[in-house]
Protein backbone atom coordinates (compact mmCIF):
# COMPACT_ATOMS: atom_id res chain seq x y z
CA MET A 1 203.48 179.50 152.57
CA ASN A 2 203.24 179.02 156.62
CA ILE A 3 200.16 177.43 158.26
CA ILE A 4 199.71 178.20 161.89
CA LEU A 5 197.63 175.32 163.82
CA VAL A 6 196.43 176.67 167.33
CA GLY A 7 195.82 173.74 170.18
CA LYS A 8 192.17 173.14 171.78
CA HIS A 9 192.85 174.97 175.00
CA HIS A 10 194.80 177.49 173.59
CA GLY A 11 198.03 176.21 174.57
CA ARG A 12 201.17 176.53 172.30
CA SER A 13 200.65 177.11 168.72
CA ARG A 14 202.82 175.41 165.95
CA VAL A 15 203.64 176.50 162.33
CA LEU A 16 203.85 174.53 159.47
CA THR A 17 205.78 175.44 156.52
CA LEU A 18 204.57 174.23 153.02
CA ASN A 19 206.67 174.96 150.24
CA GLY A 20 205.78 174.82 146.45
CA MET A 21 206.72 171.36 145.46
CA LEU A 22 204.12 170.04 148.15
CA ILE A 23 201.38 172.30 146.92
CA VAL A 24 201.75 171.00 143.34
CA GLY A 25 202.13 167.56 144.68
CA MET A 26 198.42 168.13 146.42
CA VAL A 27 196.89 169.80 143.53
CA VAL A 28 198.01 167.07 141.01
CA LEU A 29 196.89 164.35 143.75
CA VAL A 30 192.90 166.20 143.78
CA SER A 31 193.07 166.32 140.12
CA ALA A 32 193.75 162.81 139.69
CA LEU A 33 190.58 161.77 142.20
CA ILE A 34 188.57 164.11 140.03
CA GLY A 35 189.39 162.62 136.86
CA ALA A 36 189.20 159.09 138.03
CA ALA A 37 185.41 159.65 139.19
CA GLY A 38 184.51 161.18 135.93
CA TRP A 39 186.31 158.27 134.26
CA ALA A 40 184.21 155.34 136.76
CA GLY A 41 180.68 157.61 135.47
CA TYR A 42 181.44 157.51 131.93
CA GLN A 43 182.57 153.95 132.34
CA PHE A 44 179.27 152.71 134.31
CA ALA A 45 177.13 154.81 131.33
CA LEU A 46 179.10 153.16 128.60
CA ASN A 47 178.67 149.70 130.36
CA GLN A 48 174.76 150.52 130.57
CA ALA A 49 174.47 151.07 126.93
CA SER A 50 176.45 148.50 125.84
CA ALA A 51 174.20 146.43 127.87
CA LEU A 52 170.85 147.53 126.42
CA ALA A 53 172.44 147.15 123.06
CA ALA A 54 173.22 143.56 123.71
CA ASN A 55 169.87 143.00 125.11
CA PRO A 56 167.56 145.02 122.72
CA SER A 57 164.58 142.63 124.16
CA GLY A 58 164.55 144.75 127.37
CA LEU A 59 164.18 147.79 125.61
CA VAL A 60 161.16 146.67 123.68
CA ALA A 61 159.20 144.82 126.80
CA HIS A 62 159.86 148.88 128.24
CA TRP A 63 157.70 150.24 125.13
CA GLU A 64 155.44 147.55 124.94
CA ALA A 65 154.61 147.97 128.59
CA ARG A 66 154.09 151.70 128.06
CA LEU A 67 151.98 150.72 125.02
CA ASP A 68 149.80 148.40 127.05
CA GLU A 69 149.10 151.11 129.56
CA GLN A 70 148.09 153.51 127.05
CA GLN A 71 145.82 151.00 125.19
CA VAL A 72 143.98 150.96 128.60
CA GLU A 73 143.75 153.93 129.40
CA LEU A 74 142.45 154.54 125.90
CA ALA A 75 139.67 151.64 126.44
CA GLU A 76 138.55 153.35 129.50
CA VAL A 77 138.37 156.76 127.79
CA GLU A 78 136.32 155.23 125.17
CA GLN A 79 134.10 153.22 127.44
CA ALA A 80 133.58 156.38 129.46
CA ALA A 81 132.65 158.36 125.99
CA GLN A 82 130.15 155.64 124.88
CA GLN A 83 128.20 155.49 128.43
CA GLN A 84 127.87 159.21 127.84
CA ILE A 85 126.46 158.42 124.56
CA ASP A 86 124.31 155.71 125.95
CA ALA A 87 122.89 157.92 128.37
CA LEU A 88 122.20 160.79 125.99
CA THR A 89 120.70 158.45 123.54
CA LEU A 90 118.28 157.17 125.99
CA ARG A 91 117.20 160.90 127.36
CA LEU A 92 116.52 161.67 123.64
CA GLY A 93 114.33 158.33 123.08
CA GLU A 94 112.50 159.69 126.20
CA MET A 95 111.95 162.99 124.86
CA GLN A 96 111.32 161.85 121.24
CA GLY A 97 107.99 159.94 122.84
CA ARG A 98 106.79 162.81 125.16
CA LEU A 99 107.15 165.21 121.59
CA LEU A 100 105.12 162.83 120.05
CA ARG A 101 102.21 162.97 122.55
CA LEU A 102 102.73 166.64 122.73
CA ASP A 103 102.08 166.22 118.43
CA ALA A 104 98.80 163.88 119.43
CA LEU A 105 97.53 166.37 121.77
CA GLY A 106 98.01 169.73 119.37
CA GLN A 107 96.45 167.64 116.79
CA ARG A 108 93.57 167.02 118.86
CA PHE A 109 93.37 170.83 119.11
CA VAL A 110 93.18 170.86 115.35
CA GLU A 111 90.55 168.69 114.74
CA SER A 112 88.32 170.07 117.72
CA GLY A 113 88.50 173.06 115.78
CA LEU A 114 90.44 174.95 118.52
CA VAL A 115 93.59 175.62 116.76
CA ALA A 116 93.36 176.41 112.84
CA SER A 117 94.81 173.55 110.65
CA GLU A 118 96.32 176.10 108.62
CA GLU A 119 98.33 177.92 111.61
CA PHE A 120 99.68 174.80 112.88
CA SER A 121 100.94 171.54 111.03
CA PHE A 122 102.02 169.12 113.73
CA GLY A 123 103.03 166.57 111.45
CA GLU A 124 106.20 168.82 109.91
CA PRO A 125 108.85 170.41 111.58
CA ALA A 126 108.77 173.84 112.66
CA ALA A 127 110.06 175.92 109.95
CA VAL A 128 113.96 177.96 110.60
CA GLY A 129 116.60 179.52 109.04
CA GLY A 130 118.83 182.89 109.03
CA PRO A 131 121.96 183.85 107.79
CA GLU A 132 125.03 182.12 107.81
CA ASP A 133 127.10 182.92 110.57
CA SER A 134 130.62 183.93 109.11
CA GLY A 135 132.39 183.17 112.75
CA ASP A 136 134.59 180.06 113.58
CA LYS A 137 132.23 177.09 114.03
CA GLU A 138 133.07 175.05 116.92
CA SER A 139 131.17 171.57 117.55
CA PHE A 140 129.26 171.31 120.99
CA SER A 141 130.78 169.39 123.80
CA ALA A 142 129.34 166.80 125.53
CA PRO A 143 128.87 168.99 128.75
CA ASP A 144 126.95 171.46 126.26
CA LEU A 145 124.81 168.85 124.91
CA MET A 146 123.69 167.27 128.48
CA SER A 147 123.13 171.42 129.51
CA MET A 148 121.20 171.91 126.31
CA ILE A 149 119.03 168.80 126.61
CA GLY A 150 118.38 169.62 130.46
CA ARG A 151 117.11 172.54 129.31
CA LEU A 152 114.63 171.51 126.72
CA GLU A 153 113.50 168.63 128.70
CA ASN A 154 112.27 171.45 131.58
CA LEU A 155 110.67 173.04 128.53
CA ILE A 156 108.82 170.08 127.06
CA GLU A 157 107.85 169.26 130.52
CA ASP A 158 106.46 172.96 130.96
CA ARG A 159 104.43 172.77 127.57
CA GLU A 160 102.93 168.87 128.77
CA LYS A 161 101.44 170.57 131.78
CA GLN A 162 99.85 173.68 129.40
CA LEU A 163 98.96 171.60 126.64
CA ARG A 164 97.18 168.92 129.42
CA LEU A 165 95.33 171.82 130.62
CA LEU A 166 94.28 173.24 127.56
CA ASP A 167 92.96 169.60 126.63
CA LYS A 168 90.95 169.73 129.86
CA LEU A 169 89.36 172.87 129.50
CA ALA A 170 88.76 171.66 125.52
CA SER A 171 87.09 168.56 126.61
CA ARG A 172 84.94 170.58 129.27
CA GLN A 173 83.97 172.74 126.81
CA LYS A 174 83.06 170.21 124.25
CA LEU A 175 81.20 168.46 127.01
CA ASP A 176 79.23 171.79 127.82
CA GLU A 177 78.42 172.38 124.08
CA GLU A 178 77.41 168.56 124.14
CA MET A 179 74.94 168.70 126.91
CA TYR A 180 73.85 172.11 125.95
CA VAL A 181 70.24 171.90 124.80
CA GLU A 182 69.64 173.81 121.51
CA GLY A 183 67.76 173.38 118.30
CA ARG A 184 65.27 171.76 116.56
CA PRO A 185 64.84 168.02 116.97
CA ILE A 186 64.18 167.43 113.53
CA THR A 187 65.99 168.07 110.52
CA TRP A 188 62.92 169.17 108.17
CA GLY A 189 59.71 170.49 108.85
CA TRP A 190 57.37 173.34 110.44
CA LEU A 191 56.07 174.25 113.65
CA SER A 192 52.44 172.91 113.73
CA SER A 193 51.48 173.62 117.41
CA LYS A 194 52.97 176.29 120.18
CA TYR A 195 53.69 175.92 123.61
CA GLY A 196 50.94 176.87 125.98
CA TYR A 197 47.29 177.06 126.26
CA ARG A 198 45.29 176.02 122.82
CA SER A 199 42.37 174.17 121.36
CA ASP A 200 42.32 170.59 121.78
CA PRO A 201 42.63 169.25 118.54
CA PHE A 202 40.04 165.88 119.77
CA THR A 203 37.81 167.97 121.87
CA GLY A 204 38.07 171.67 121.03
CA LYS A 205 38.09 172.66 124.43
CA ARG A 206 40.93 175.10 125.80
CA THR A 207 43.79 172.79 127.04
CA TRP A 208 47.48 173.34 128.69
CA HIS A 209 49.95 172.03 125.75
CA ASP A 210 53.08 171.02 127.43
CA GLY A 211 55.45 171.09 124.62
CA VAL A 212 55.38 172.46 120.97
CA ASP A 213 54.72 170.22 117.78
CA LEU A 214 56.78 169.92 114.71
CA ALA A 215 55.17 168.41 111.70
CA GLY A 216 57.05 166.72 108.95
CA LYS A 217 57.13 163.64 106.65
CA ASP A 218 56.25 160.24 107.97
CA GLY A 219 59.39 158.10 108.76
CA SER A 220 61.82 161.42 108.49
CA ASP A 221 64.67 161.38 111.70
CA ILE A 222 63.95 163.03 114.98
CA ILE A 223 67.16 163.94 116.35
CA SER A 224 68.55 164.43 120.37
CA VAL A 225 69.26 168.03 120.74
CA ALA A 226 71.99 167.69 123.14
CA GLY A 227 73.75 164.73 124.79
CA GLY A 228 72.03 162.86 127.10
CA VAL A 229 71.17 159.40 128.73
CA VAL A 230 68.02 157.79 127.60
CA THR A 231 65.73 157.58 130.46
CA TRP A 232 62.34 156.06 128.60
CA ALA A 233 62.41 154.51 125.39
CA GLY A 234 59.05 152.92 124.16
CA GLU A 235 55.10 153.25 124.70
CA ARG A 236 53.68 155.62 127.15
CA TYR A 237 49.71 156.61 127.57
CA GLY A 238 49.05 159.92 125.25
CA TYR A 239 52.70 160.37 123.91
CA GLY A 240 52.98 157.24 122.09
CA ASN A 241 56.16 155.93 121.35
CA LEU A 242 57.85 158.38 123.76
CA VAL A 243 61.71 158.88 123.96
CA GLU A 244 63.06 160.63 127.03
CA ILE A 245 66.77 161.75 127.59
CA ASP A 246 68.51 163.30 131.03
CA HIS A 247 70.71 165.89 130.00
CA GLY A 248 72.25 166.67 133.14
CA ASP A 249 71.17 169.89 135.55
CA GLY A 250 67.78 169.07 136.04
CA LEU A 251 67.31 169.27 132.18
CA VAL A 252 65.06 166.45 129.94
CA THR A 253 63.62 166.52 127.01
CA ARG A 254 60.96 164.59 125.47
CA TYR A 255 60.10 163.27 121.70
CA GLY A 256 56.71 161.62 121.41
CA HIS A 257 54.44 160.20 118.74
CA CYS A 258 57.34 158.42 117.33
CA LYS A 259 57.11 155.77 114.40
CA GLU A 260 59.79 154.01 115.55
CA VAL A 261 62.12 154.36 118.49
CA VAL A 262 65.83 153.60 117.56
CA VAL A 263 67.29 153.44 120.92
CA ASN A 264 66.92 151.96 124.20
CA LYS A 265 67.03 153.03 127.70
CA GLY A 266 70.24 153.42 129.29
CA ASP A 267 71.81 154.44 126.06
CA VAL A 268 74.31 157.09 126.12
CA VAL A 269 73.27 159.67 123.03
CA GLN A 270 75.23 162.15 121.26
CA LYS A 271 73.79 165.68 120.15
CA GLY A 272 72.55 165.43 116.88
CA GLN A 273 71.98 161.62 116.84
CA VAL A 274 68.91 159.75 115.58
CA VAL A 275 67.10 158.52 118.18
CA ALA A 276 63.46 158.07 116.33
CA LEU A 277 61.66 158.15 113.85
CA MET A 278 58.47 160.52 113.15
CA GLY A 279 55.35 159.03 113.09
CA SER A 280 51.51 159.71 114.47
CA THR A 281 51.45 156.89 117.41
CA GLY A 282 49.18 157.74 120.69
CA ARG A 283 46.94 160.84 120.87
CA SER A 284 48.09 162.11 117.39
CA THR A 285 46.14 163.60 114.01
CA GLY A 286 49.32 163.02 111.84
CA PRO A 287 52.74 162.73 111.15
CA HIS A 288 54.88 165.07 113.74
CA VAL A 289 57.08 164.96 116.91
CA HIS A 290 55.80 166.26 120.49
CA PHE A 291 58.70 167.82 121.83
CA GLU A 292 59.08 168.98 125.58
CA VAL A 293 61.73 170.51 127.63
CA LEU A 294 61.41 170.42 131.31
CA HIS A 295 63.53 171.42 134.11
CA ASN A 296 63.46 170.28 137.39
CA GLY A 297 60.24 168.41 136.64
CA ARG A 298 58.85 171.61 135.08
CA SER A 299 57.83 172.36 131.75
CA LYS A 300 59.71 175.06 129.94
CA ASP A 301 58.63 176.59 126.64
CA PRO A 302 60.78 174.30 123.88
CA VAL A 303 60.95 177.54 121.79
CA LYS A 304 63.43 179.34 123.44
CA TYR A 305 65.83 176.01 123.52
CA ILE A 306 65.48 176.22 119.68
CA ALA A 307 66.05 179.73 119.13
CA ARG A 308 69.48 179.00 121.05
CA SER A 309 71.28 177.52 118.14
CA SER A 310 70.31 181.11 115.86
CA LYS A 311 72.22 183.31 118.85
């Protein structure tokens, strides 16, 4: 084999002749070098294995360190999970308190008659049901639960606003009904004298009668025909013992000739509350109640207000 060597400056070239023995020697040399490198790597690995076999505590320490790291990671995961559980528990507690308030409002509606007790029972859970799904069943994830709780909180807040508004309307309606002047001021008795002109029972002359007389049993109850504030409770000329009640909006009722007054000036009375007992005090011929209705200081026919209760 000939190898031609060319100079750097393209000068005279040289020819190197390689015979077969030289080539074989070079191949052997390269093979020896590769073999030596492989043997050295093998010996290094063997020495490392021997070192680990001779010192097993190093391997144990390595895996103990890895185990400690995993335990730290697990503790961090458990702590994060516990924080999520605590947050869910807190939100559920708040929702439970709000639901209790909603139940209380609902029960007030039932007691007030606005909602039928047969229709709603706020002391029991709502009835639900349905056929069982035969498909795969999966538990909710924490993010799913957080999302569901958030939607439920928004729904509860909306219902709270609606129920509060209904409660205000119901309270106003109840107040209006309480202040609405209607009905008779006695539980038993009869009309003995009408409103308007009549013959005076003492003089026989034609005189104006500002109210109606309702006769009954001596000592029987006289009740307020509407809620209000007592503005007079005691004796007044011509009326004997008198109870006067202001119902607001310019409406005032009077109950005269009472045997006994059982309320005091300034008392707040409710509709149907006993305010006096029937008698014959003052300018009277027998047990009865003189019942007057005044609007803005002018007398009105009480029969019109009595008749309201029958409508």
